[in-house]
Amino acid sequence: MDSETPASDQLQLLRSLVAEDANYCCPDETSPITRSVHLARLRSHFEKCHICPHRNDLEQFSPEVQRNLKSWWERSRPQQTQFTDGFRGLIHNEFERSELRIILNGFMESLWSDWIQRDDQNLATQPKVVIGHDLHGFSFEMTAVAIQCLAEQGCQVIDIGNATTASTSFLVDQTRSEAGLYLSTGVESSQVGGVDLYRRGGMPLSAESLHAIHNLGEISSNRQARKSGGVIPFAGRAIYHEVLQKYYEQIVPEQMLILSSNQTLIDILRVLKESSQGSFQPELIPVDLERQLIVNQTDWLKSGLTSLEFESVCLINGDGQAVYFYDSTGEKIPALEILDQFVSQHHAHQTPGLILGEEYQSRISYDQRFSNAQIRYRQSLRENFAQGMRTSKSHYGLDAHERYWFAGHRPVCDGIVTVGKVLQSGGLKR
């Protein structure tokens, strides 16, 4: 500061620097920081600025400093928001309030366009949208933003509370809603948050559909509806439990250890265990351990099974859909072997239809186990598989992420259903 600047002006300047909202968050950190700290880290060549999406925020610096910083990070590129089976990005940076509003603006613009064109749109005064979330604190915050945005745009929000991806999809179909959202944090990384989108019938959206929605949201404003929407709390868990019961009837009495980092999923399995008198044991595990098991680092599993006396182990990913199976020694069972177990349940005169991820195509050509099945291949995205299961009327599906699909009124991709189907088909005793 200039020594000639009056003390009152200096105090006012200091107040303006420290009174900012904490709207930034460095990659791999949990606590947000102010703009002043953000700029100071940029200026000091803080290493994490290499992957910060706000690293071009340089207008406060001199042209010389700007050139210096740009040349420093030219050798690396920042992470970008991902559009695969849902929007994903670093929390507080790539995925935050303004980004969520862009997504919802595009989603609502698309929803209202379809709603107006529908012949039966007068059956309800407003489109209904189901919204669920996981138990992460950031997900609660973003859910509140989403509910406010949807209500402003004239939607009737059905708040199902803490849920899973599969139960959200199910309840979109069950409540005959026009769309659904599921907000989650920490499934892929502790610092990654995102939102999954569903359309009528609980059909998931992926890749190109998400890009189109995001592009539409960037040019659309948060349109105030003539009639604002509202929020209806909906206890959909009981209905979801009731549907799951049929997958846990007449199951084999196999001592199966079921692991997951998803607390909601574990709670559902414990209720199913009590009502079905099953011998499986659901257990909550840390996210880091779950990721180690997924990449087949099973030393912990192998050492633990020697004393636990379980006949098999099942790991349901935190997303609630992907499922990995292990035998009594801790060795991972190939996904195609599990799929073959389902196919073998068909009568000899039936020809089962299968949809597999494109990644399995070269492997299947050398594998004769599905020689009598009608096999189709799809890109391993949820939207592609859901549409393929519905239009081809295939019996089963398996994508490269080890998500198992089952035929029905609505194509089912649910880790809890997969486990029940395995136990009904004879378990995993090898």
Protein backbone atom coordinates (compact mmCIF):
# COMPACT_ATOMS: atom_id res chain seq x y z
CA MET A 1 0.00 0.00 0.00
CA ASP A 2 1.06 3.59 -0.57
CA SER A 3 2.29 5.15 2.68
CA GLU A 4 0.50 8.39 1.74
CA THR A 5 -2.89 6.66 1.50
CA PRO A 6 -5.10 7.75 4.42
CA ALA A 7 -5.49 5.14 7.14
CA SER A 8 -9.26 5.02 6.60
CA ASP A 9 -8.78 4.23 2.89
CA GLN A 10 -6.23 1.53 3.72
CA LEU A 11 -8.69 -0.03 6.17
CA GLN A 12 -11.45 0.06 3.57
CA LEU A 13 -9.17 -1.64 1.04
CA LEU A 14 -8.28 -4.38 3.52
CA ARG A 15 -11.95 -4.94 4.27
CA SER A 16 -12.76 -5.29 0.59
CA LEU A 17 -10.02 -7.88 0.19
CA VAL A 18 -11.14 -10.08 3.08
CA ALA A 19 -14.91 -9.68 2.72
CA GLU A 20 -15.19 -11.82 -0.39
CA ASP A 21 -17.23 -15.01 -0.49
CA ALA A 22 -15.27 -18.23 -0.56
CA ASN A 23 -16.16 -19.20 -4.11
CA TYR A 24 -12.97 -21.03 -5.10
CA CYS A 25 -11.56 -24.39 -4.14
CA CYS A 26 -8.18 -25.79 -5.08
CA PRO A 27 -8.14 -29.27 -6.66
CA ASP A 28 -7.95 -32.07 -4.07
CA GLU A 29 -8.82 -29.67 -1.24
CA THR A 30 -12.11 -29.65 0.66
CA SER A 31 -12.24 -26.10 2.04
CA PRO A 32 -13.19 -23.22 -0.27
CA ILE A 33 -10.93 -20.16 -0.45
CA THR A 34 -11.50 -16.48 -1.18
CA ARG A 35 -10.63 -14.75 -4.42
CA SER A 36 -7.71 -13.03 -2.71
CA VAL A 37 -6.14 -16.35 -1.75
CA HIS A 38 -6.89 -17.68 -5.21
CA LEU A 39 -5.06 -14.78 -6.89
CA ALA A 40 -2.15 -15.02 -4.45
CA ARG A 41 -1.68 -18.69 -5.28
CA LEU A 42 -1.78 -17.96 -8.99
CA ARG A 43 0.80 -15.23 -8.59
CA SER A 44 3.12 -17.50 -6.57
CA HIS A 45 3.03 -20.35 -9.16
CA PHE A 46 1.12 -22.67 -6.82
CA GLU A 47 1.48 -26.18 -8.28
CA LYS A 48 -2.24 -27.05 -8.18
CA CYS A 49 -3.01 -24.07 -10.42
CA HIS A 50 -1.94 -26.29 -13.33
CA ILE A 51 -5.28 -28.12 -13.20
CA CYS A 52 -7.47 -25.30 -11.89
CA PRO A 53 -10.27 -24.32 -14.31
CA HIS A 54 -9.99 -20.71 -13.02
CA ARG A 55 -6.33 -20.29 -13.84
CA ASN A 56 -7.10 -17.79 -16.62
CA ASP A 57 -8.51 -15.34 -14.07
CA LEU A 58 -5.61 -12.92 -14.62
CA GLU A 59 -7.12 -9.49 -15.14
CA GLN A 60 -5.71 -8.26 -11.81
CA PHE A 61 -2.14 -8.87 -12.95
CA SER A 62 0.17 -6.83 -15.14
CA PRO A 63 0.71 -7.92 -18.77
CA GLU A 64 4.20 -9.14 -17.87
CA VAL A 65 2.90 -11.36 -15.05
CA GLN A 66 0.12 -12.66 -17.29
CA ARG A 67 2.60 -13.70 -19.98
CA ASN A 68 4.80 -15.34 -17.37
CA LEU A 69 1.94 -17.37 -15.92
CA LYS A 70 0.57 -18.45 -19.30
CA SER A 71 3.97 -19.71 -20.43
CA TRP A 72 4.33 -21.55 -17.11
CA TRP A 73 1.20 -23.67 -17.50
CA GLU A 74 1.15 -24.15 -21.27
CA ARG A 75 2.68 -27.56 -20.81
CA SER A 76 -0.43 -28.89 -19.04
CA ARG A 77 -4.18 -28.72 -19.61
CA PRO A 78 -6.83 -28.28 -16.91
CA GLN A 79 -9.38 -30.99 -16.23
CA GLN A 80 -12.69 -30.47 -17.93
CA THR A 81 -16.23 -31.29 -16.87
CA GLN A 82 -17.03 -34.81 -18.03
CA PHE A 83 -20.14 -35.75 -20.02
CA THR A 84 -20.46 -39.53 -20.00
CA ASP A 85 -23.27 -41.06 -17.97
CA GLY A 86 -23.82 -37.81 -16.09
CA PHE A 87 -22.22 -34.42 -15.53
CA ARG A 88 -19.05 -34.72 -13.44
CA GLY A 89 -16.55 -32.10 -12.28
CA LEU A 90 -14.41 -30.89 -9.40
CA ILE A 91 -16.66 -29.55 -6.65
CA HIS A 92 -16.55 -25.77 -6.09
CA ASN A 93 -14.74 -25.39 -9.42
CA GLU A 94 -16.10 -27.30 -12.41
CA PHE A 95 -19.29 -28.41 -10.66
CA GLU A 96 -20.80 -25.64 -8.55
CA ARG A 97 -23.97 -23.55 -8.29
CA SER A 98 -23.67 -21.63 -11.55
CA GLU A 99 -22.75 -24.78 -13.49
CA LEU A 100 -25.74 -26.65 -12.03
CA ARG A 101 -28.04 -23.83 -13.06
CA ILE A 102 -26.70 -24.00 -16.61
CA ILE A 103 -27.42 -27.74 -16.68
CA LEU A 104 -30.92 -27.29 -15.26
CA ASN A 105 -31.72 -24.39 -17.59
CA GLY A 106 -30.91 -26.57 -20.59
CA PHE A 107 -32.73 -29.56 -19.12
CA MET A 108 -35.88 -27.54 -18.38
CA GLU A 109 -35.82 -25.89 -21.80
CA SER A 110 -35.79 -29.36 -23.37
CA LEU A 111 -38.43 -30.68 -20.95
CA TRP A 112 -40.85 -27.81 -21.50
CA SER A 113 -40.45 -28.09 -25.27
CA ASP A 114 -41.49 -31.75 -25.13
CA TRP A 115 -44.23 -31.05 -22.59
CA ILE A 116 -45.94 -28.45 -24.78
CA GLN A 117 -45.95 -30.79 -27.78
CA ARG A 118 -47.46 -33.73 -25.89
CA ASP A 119 -51.14 -34.49 -26.49
CA ASP A 120 -51.80 -35.45 -22.87
CA GLN A 121 -49.97 -32.53 -21.23
CA ASN A 122 -53.29 -31.13 -19.96
CA LEU A 123 -53.74 -34.15 -17.71
CA ALA A 124 -51.46 -32.38 -15.21
CA THR A 125 -51.04 -28.69 -14.59
CA GLN A 126 -47.25 -28.86 -14.33
CA PRO A 127 -44.51 -31.33 -15.28
CA LYS A 128 -43.24 -33.43 -12.38
CA VAL A 129 -39.52 -33.91 -11.72
CA VAL A 130 -38.11 -36.45 -9.24
CA ILE A 131 -34.98 -35.43 -7.36
CA GLY A 132 -32.78 -37.62 -5.14
CA HIS A 133 -29.32 -37.34 -3.65
CA ASP A 134 -26.65 -39.24 -1.73
CA LEU A 135 -25.55 -38.48 1.84
CA HIS A 136 -22.60 -36.21 1.05
CA GLY A 137 -22.90 -32.68 2.46
CA PHE A 138 -22.18 -31.02 -0.89
CA SER A 139 -25.00 -33.03 -2.47
CA PHE A 140 -27.48 -31.58 0.06
CA GLU A 141 -26.32 -28.08 -0.87
CA MET A 142 -26.68 -28.68 -4.60
CA THR A 143 -30.04 -30.38 -4.13
CA ALA A 144 -31.38 -27.22 -2.47
CA VAL A 145 -30.17 -25.18 -5.46
CA ALA A 146 -31.77 -27.65 -7.89
CA ILE A 147 -35.13 -27.60 -6.09
CA GLN A 148 -35.19 -23.80 -6.11
CA CYS A 149 -34.30 -23.66 -9.81
CA LEU A 150 -36.91 -26.28 -10.80
CA ALA A 151 -39.65 -24.57 -8.77
CA GLU A 152 -38.82 -21.20 -10.34
CA GLN A 153 -39.28 -22.76 -13.76
CA GLY A 154 -42.74 -24.07 -12.91
CA CYS A 155 -42.04 -27.73 -12.14
CA GLN A 156 -43.61 -29.82 -9.43
CA VAL A 157 -40.61 -31.29 -7.60
CA ILE A 158 -40.96 -34.73 -6.02
CA ASP A 159 -38.25 -34.85 -3.36
CA ILE A 160 -37.40 -38.49 -2.58
CA GLY A 161 -34.52 -37.60 -0.24
CA ASN A 162 -31.44 -39.81 0.02
CA ALA A 163 -31.57 -42.45 -2.69
CA THR A 164 -29.49 -44.32 -5.27
CA THR A 165 -29.19 -43.90 -9.02
CA ALA A 166 -31.33 -46.99 -9.56
CA SER A 167 -34.08 -45.99 -7.12
CA THR A 168 -34.25 -42.52 -8.66
CA SER A 169 -34.71 -44.03 -12.12
CA PHE A 170 -37.36 -46.41 -10.74
CA LEU A 171 -39.33 -43.62 -9.04
CA VAL A 172 -39.31 -41.43 -12.15
CA ASP A 173 -41.16 -44.26 -13.87
CA GLN A 174 -43.30 -45.15 -10.84
CA THR A 175 -44.57 -41.58 -10.33
CA ARG A 176 -45.02 -41.02 -14.08
CA SER A 177 -42.79 -37.99 -13.90
CA GLU A 178 -41.35 -36.19 -16.86
CA ALA A 179 -37.77 -36.23 -15.61
CA GLY A 180 -35.46 -37.02 -12.72
CA LEU A 181 -32.18 -35.87 -11.19
CA TYR A 182 -29.77 -37.64 -8.89
CA LEU A 183 -27.03 -35.55 -7.25
CA SER A 184 -23.96 -37.30 -5.87
CA THR A 185 -20.45 -36.53 -4.63
CA GLY A 186 -17.40 -38.72 -4.07
CA VAL A 187 -18.39 -41.75 -6.17
CA GLU A 188 -15.53 -41.41 -8.66
CA SER A 189 -13.28 -39.25 -6.44
CA SER A 190 -13.68 -37.51 -3.11
CA GLN A 191 -13.45 -34.17 -4.93
CA VAL A 192 -15.80 -34.95 -7.83
CA GLY A 193 -19.50 -34.13 -7.78
CA GLY A 194 -22.16 -34.48 -10.42
CA VAL A 195 -25.74 -35.01 -11.45
CA ASP A 196 -27.40 -37.85 -13.36
CA LEU A 197 -30.39 -36.98 -15.56
CA TYR A 198 -33.39 -39.14 -16.46
CA ARG A 199 -36.29 -38.59 -18.81
CA ARG A 200 -39.77 -40.03 -18.87
CA GLY A 201 -39.90 -43.69 -17.91
CA GLY A 202 -36.66 -43.41 -15.95
CA MET A 203 -34.54 -43.52 -19.10
CA PRO A 204 -30.97 -42.26 -18.40
CA LEU A 205 -29.23 -39.64 -20.52
CA SER A 206 -25.59 -39.91 -21.57
CA ALA A 207 -22.88 -38.32 -23.70
CA GLU A 208 -24.39 -36.54 -26.73
CA SER A 209 -27.72 -35.93 -25.01
CA LEU A 210 -25.91 -34.30 -22.10
CA HIS A 211 -23.77 -32.17 -24.41
CA ALA A 212 -26.92 -30.91 -26.14
CA ILE A 213 -28.52 -30.03 -22.80
CA HIS A 214 -25.41 -28.22 -21.60
CA ASN A 215 -25.09 -26.25 -24.84
CA LEU A 216 -28.77 -25.30 -24.61
CA GLY A 217 -28.31 -24.23 -20.99
CA GLU A 218 -25.44 -21.88 -21.88
CA ILE A 219 -27.69 -19.88 -24.21
CA SER A 220 -30.87 -20.13 -22.11
CA SER A 221 -31.75 -18.02 -19.12
CA ASN A 222 -33.40 -19.14 -15.92
CA ARG A 223 -36.92 -18.58 -17.23
CA GLN A 224 -39.46 -17.55 -14.59
CA ALA A 225 -42.66 -19.50 -15.10
CA ARG A 226 -46.06 -17.82 -15.00
CA LYS A 227 -46.98 -20.22 -12.26
CA SER A 228 -44.21 -21.25 -9.90
CA GLY A 229 -43.82 -24.88 -8.98
CA GLY A 230 -43.71 -26.55 -5.60
CA VAL A 231 -42.06 -29.33 -3.63
CA ILE A 232 -43.69 -32.57 -2.51
CA PRO A 233 -41.73 -34.83 -0.13
CA PHE A 234 -42.25 -38.40 -1.27
CA ALA A 235 -41.35 -41.47 0.77
CA GLY A 236 -40.54 -43.67 -2.20
CA ARG A 237 -38.22 -46.01 -0.27
CA ALA A 238 -41.09 -48.28 0.83
CA ILE A 239 -42.31 -48.72 -2.76
CA TYR A 240 -38.77 -49.42 -3.92
CA HIS A 241 -38.31 -52.02 -1.16
CA GLU A 242 -41.53 -53.72 -2.18
CA VAL A 243 -40.35 -54.08 -5.78
CA LEU A 244 -36.94 -55.42 -4.66
CA GLN A 245 -38.55 -58.14 -2.52
CA LYS A 246 -39.25 -60.38 -5.51
CA TYR A 247 -35.53 -60.55 -6.31
CA TYR A 248 -34.78 -61.90 -2.82
CA GLU A 249 -37.39 -64.66 -2.70
CA GLN A 250 -36.23 -68.27 -2.84
CA ILE A 251 -32.56 -67.35 -2.76
CA VAL A 252 -29.89 -69.94 -2.02
CA PRO A 253 -28.56 -69.95 1.58
CA GLU A 254 -25.10 -68.79 0.57
CA GLN A 255 -22.86 -66.95 3.00
CA MET A 256 -22.14 -63.92 0.82
CA LEU A 257 -20.34 -60.82 2.04
CA ILE A 258 -21.72 -57.72 0.27
CA LEU A 259 -19.49 -54.62 0.40
CA SER A 260 -20.17 -51.04 -0.65
CA SER A 261 -19.25 -47.47 0.30
CA ASN A 262 -22.85 -46.39 -0.32
CA GLN A 263 -24.62 -46.11 3.05
CA THR A 264 -28.11 -45.88 1.52
CA LEU A 265 -27.51 -49.05 -0.48
CA ILE A 266 -26.27 -50.94 2.59
CA ASP A 267 -29.34 -49.83 4.57
CA ILE A 268 -31.64 -51.18 1.85
CA LEU A 269 -29.82 -54.52 1.79
CA ARG A 270 -30.13 -54.86 5.57
CA VAL A 271 -33.90 -54.44 5.32
CA LEU A 272 -34.01 -57.04 2.54
CA LYS A 273 -31.97 -59.43 4.64
CA GLU A 274 -34.44 -59.22 7.52
CA SER A 275 -37.49 -59.74 5.31
CA SER A 276 -35.99 -62.53 3.19
CA GLN A 277 -34.09 -64.35 5.93
CA GLY A 278 -31.09 -64.38 3.64
CA SER A 279 -27.64 -65.44 4.79
CA PHE A 280 -25.79 -62.61 3.04
CA GLN A 281 -24.03 -59.95 5.11
CA PRO A 282 -24.01 -56.27 3.94
CA GLU A 283 -21.07 -54.22 5.21
CA LEU A 284 -20.11 -50.57 4.71
CA ILE A 285 -16.48 -49.99 3.66
CA PRO A 286 -14.38 -46.83 3.05
CA VAL A 287 -14.36 -45.37 -0.45
CA ASP A 288 -10.58 -45.85 -0.79
CA LEU A 289 -10.87 -49.58 -0.05
CA GLU A 290 -13.70 -49.90 -2.54
CA ARG A 291 -11.55 -48.38 -5.28
CA GLN A 292 -8.68 -50.74 -4.46
CA LEU A 293 -10.96 -53.75 -4.85
CA ILE A 294 -12.36 -52.47 -8.15
CA VAL A 295 -8.87 -52.29 -9.68
CA ASN A 296 -8.33 -55.87 -8.45
CA GLN A 297 -5.98 -55.11 -5.57
CA THR A 298 -7.46 -57.90 -3.49
CA ASP A 299 -4.73 -58.59 -0.91
CA TRP A 300 -6.96 -57.24 1.86
CA LEU A 301 -9.85 -59.37 0.64
CA LYS A 302 -7.82 -62.56 0.40
CA SER A 303 -6.37 -62.17 3.90
CA GLY A 304 -9.74 -61.26 5.40
CA LEU A 305 -11.68 -64.16 3.90
CA THR A 306 -9.50 -66.77 5.58
CA SER A 307 -10.95 -65.81 8.96
CA LEU A 308 -14.47 -64.70 7.98
CA GLU A 309 -15.66 -67.99 6.42
CA PHE A 310 -17.70 -66.44 3.63
CA GLU A 311 -18.37 -68.50 0.52
CA SER A 312 -18.32 -65.51 -1.83
CA VAL A 313 -17.95 -61.73 -1.88
CA CYS A 314 -19.85 -59.11 -3.82
CA LEU A 315 -18.75 -55.48 -4.21
CA ILE A 316 -21.40 -52.97 -5.32
CA ASN A 317 -19.83 -49.77 -6.55
CA GLY A 318 -20.76 -46.50 -4.88
CA ASP A 319 -22.86 -45.62 -7.94
CA GLY A 320 -25.22 -48.44 -6.94
CA GLN A 321 -25.08 -50.10 -10.36
CA ALA A 322 -21.70 -51.68 -11.17
CA VAL A 323 -21.16 -55.02 -9.39
CA TYR A 324 -17.98 -57.10 -8.95
CA PHE A 325 -17.94 -60.69 -7.69
CA TYR A 326 -15.20 -62.69 -5.93
CA ASP A 327 -14.99 -66.35 -4.94
CA SER A 328 -14.13 -67.71 -1.50
CA THR A 329 -10.40 -67.23 -2.11
CA GLY A 330 -10.77 -63.56 -3.06
CA GLU A 331 -10.19 -64.11 -6.78
CA LYS A 332 -12.33 -61.93 -9.03
CA ILE A 333 -14.92 -63.82 -11.09
CA PRO A 334 -15.08 -62.64 -14.74
CA ALA A 335 -18.22 -60.72 -15.60
CA LEU A 336 -18.95 -62.96 -18.59
CA GLU A 337 -19.05 -65.94 -16.24
CA ILE A 338 -21.74 -64.23 -14.17
CA LEU A 339 -23.70 -63.39 -17.32
CA ASP A 340 -23.46 -67.03 -18.43
CA GLN A 341 -25.05 -68.02 -15.12
CA PHE A 342 -28.10 -65.90 -15.96
CA VAL A 343 -28.32 -67.20 -19.53
CA SER A 344 -28.16 -70.82 -18.37
CA GLN A 345 -31.46 -70.32 -16.52
CA HIS A 346 -33.36 -70.20 -19.80
CA HIS A 347 -35.14 -73.25 -21.14
CA ALA A 348 -33.43 -75.17 -23.93
CA HIS A 349 -35.97 -74.05 -26.53
CA GLN A 350 -35.43 -70.35 -25.75
CA THR A 351 -32.86 -68.18 -27.49
CA PRO A 352 -31.86 -65.41 -25.08
CA GLY A 353 -31.05 -61.97 -26.42
CA LEU A 354 -27.92 -60.27 -25.09
CA ILE A 355 -26.53 -56.75 -25.36
CA LEU A 356 -22.82 -56.42 -24.62
CA GLY A 357 -20.45 -53.49 -24.52
CA GLU A 358 -18.36 -53.03 -27.64
CA GLU A 359 -15.28 -53.87 -25.56
CA TYR A 360 -16.42 -57.50 -25.32
CA GLN A 361 -16.71 -58.06 -29.08
CA SER A 362 -13.21 -59.43 -29.70
CA ARG A 363 -13.39 -61.56 -26.56
CA ILE A 364 -16.72 -63.15 -27.47
CA SER A 365 -15.40 -64.24 -30.88
CA TYR A 366 -13.09 -66.66 -29.03
CA ASP A 367 -15.67 -67.69 -26.42
CA GLN A 368 -18.24 -70.33 -27.30
CA ARG A 369 -20.35 -70.04 -24.15
CA PHE A 370 -22.91 -67.72 -25.83
CA SER A 371 -23.02 -69.52 -29.18
CA ASN A 372 -26.80 -69.97 -28.99
CA ALA A 373 -27.59 -66.41 -27.94
CA GLN A 374 -28.55 -63.45 -30.11
CA ILE A 375 -25.84 -60.92 -29.31
CA ARG A 376 -25.86 -57.21 -30.08
CA TYR A 377 -23.14 -54.72 -29.20
CA ARG A 378 -23.51 -51.19 -27.89
CA GLN A 379 -21.27 -48.40 -26.67
CA SER A 380 -20.96 -48.79 -22.89
CA LEU A 381 -23.17 -45.85 -21.95
CA ARG A 382 -26.35 -46.15 -19.91
CA GLU A 383 -28.54 -44.36 -22.44
CA ASN A 384 -27.39 -46.67 -25.26
CA PHE A 385 -27.99 -49.79 -23.18
CA ALA A 386 -31.40 -48.68 -21.90
CA GLN A 387 -32.61 -47.88 -25.40
CA GLY A 388 -31.10 -51.08 -26.77
CA MET A 389 -32.73 -53.24 -24.09
CA ARG A 390 -36.11 -51.64 -24.74
CA THR A 391 -36.11 -51.70 -28.55
CA SER A 392 -34.46 -55.10 -29.08
CA LYS A 393 -36.32 -56.78 -26.19
CA SER A 394 -33.09 -58.46 -25.11
CA HIS A 395 -33.13 -60.46 -21.89
CA TYR A 396 -29.77 -59.37 -20.45
CA GLY A 397 -27.08 -56.77 -20.90
CA LEU A 398 -23.51 -56.27 -19.70
CA ASP A 399 -21.46 -53.15 -20.35
CA ALA A 400 -17.73 -52.62 -19.92
CA HIS A 401 -18.26 -51.05 -16.47
CA GLU A 402 -19.68 -54.37 -15.17
CA ARG A 403 -23.20 -53.04 -14.96
CA TYR A 404 -25.73 -55.80 -15.54
CA TRP A 405 -29.02 -55.07 -17.30
CA PHE A 406 -32.30 -56.99 -17.11
CA ALA A 407 -35.39 -56.87 -19.31
CA GLY A 408 -38.67 -55.49 -18.05
CA HIS A 409 -41.23 -52.75 -18.53
CA ARG A 410 -38.32 -50.43 -17.76
CA PRO A 411 -34.78 -51.73 -18.44
CA VAL A 412 -33.28 -52.43 -15.02
CA CYS A 413 -29.67 -51.62 -14.10
CA ASP A 414 -29.47 -51.97 -10.32
CA GLY A 415 -26.68 -53.50 -8.23
CA ILE A 416 -29.16 -54.75 -5.62
CA VAL A 417 -31.21 -56.50 -8.30
CA THR A 418 -28.04 -58.07 -9.76
CA VAL A 419 -27.08 -59.57 -6.40
CA GLY A 420 -30.59 -60.95 -5.91
CA LYS A 421 -30.55 -62.51 -9.38
CA VAL A 422 -27.22 -64.21 -8.64
CA LEU A 423 -28.51 -65.63 -5.36
CA GLN A 424 -31.69 -66.86 -7.05
CA SER A 425 -29.71 -68.53 -9.82
CA GLY A 426 -27.59 -70.63 -7.47
CA GLY A 427 -25.07 -68.29 -5.91
CA LEU A 428 -21.34 -68.15 -6.60
CA LYS A 429 -20.08 -71.46 -5.24
CA ARG A 430 -17.35 -72.62 -7.64
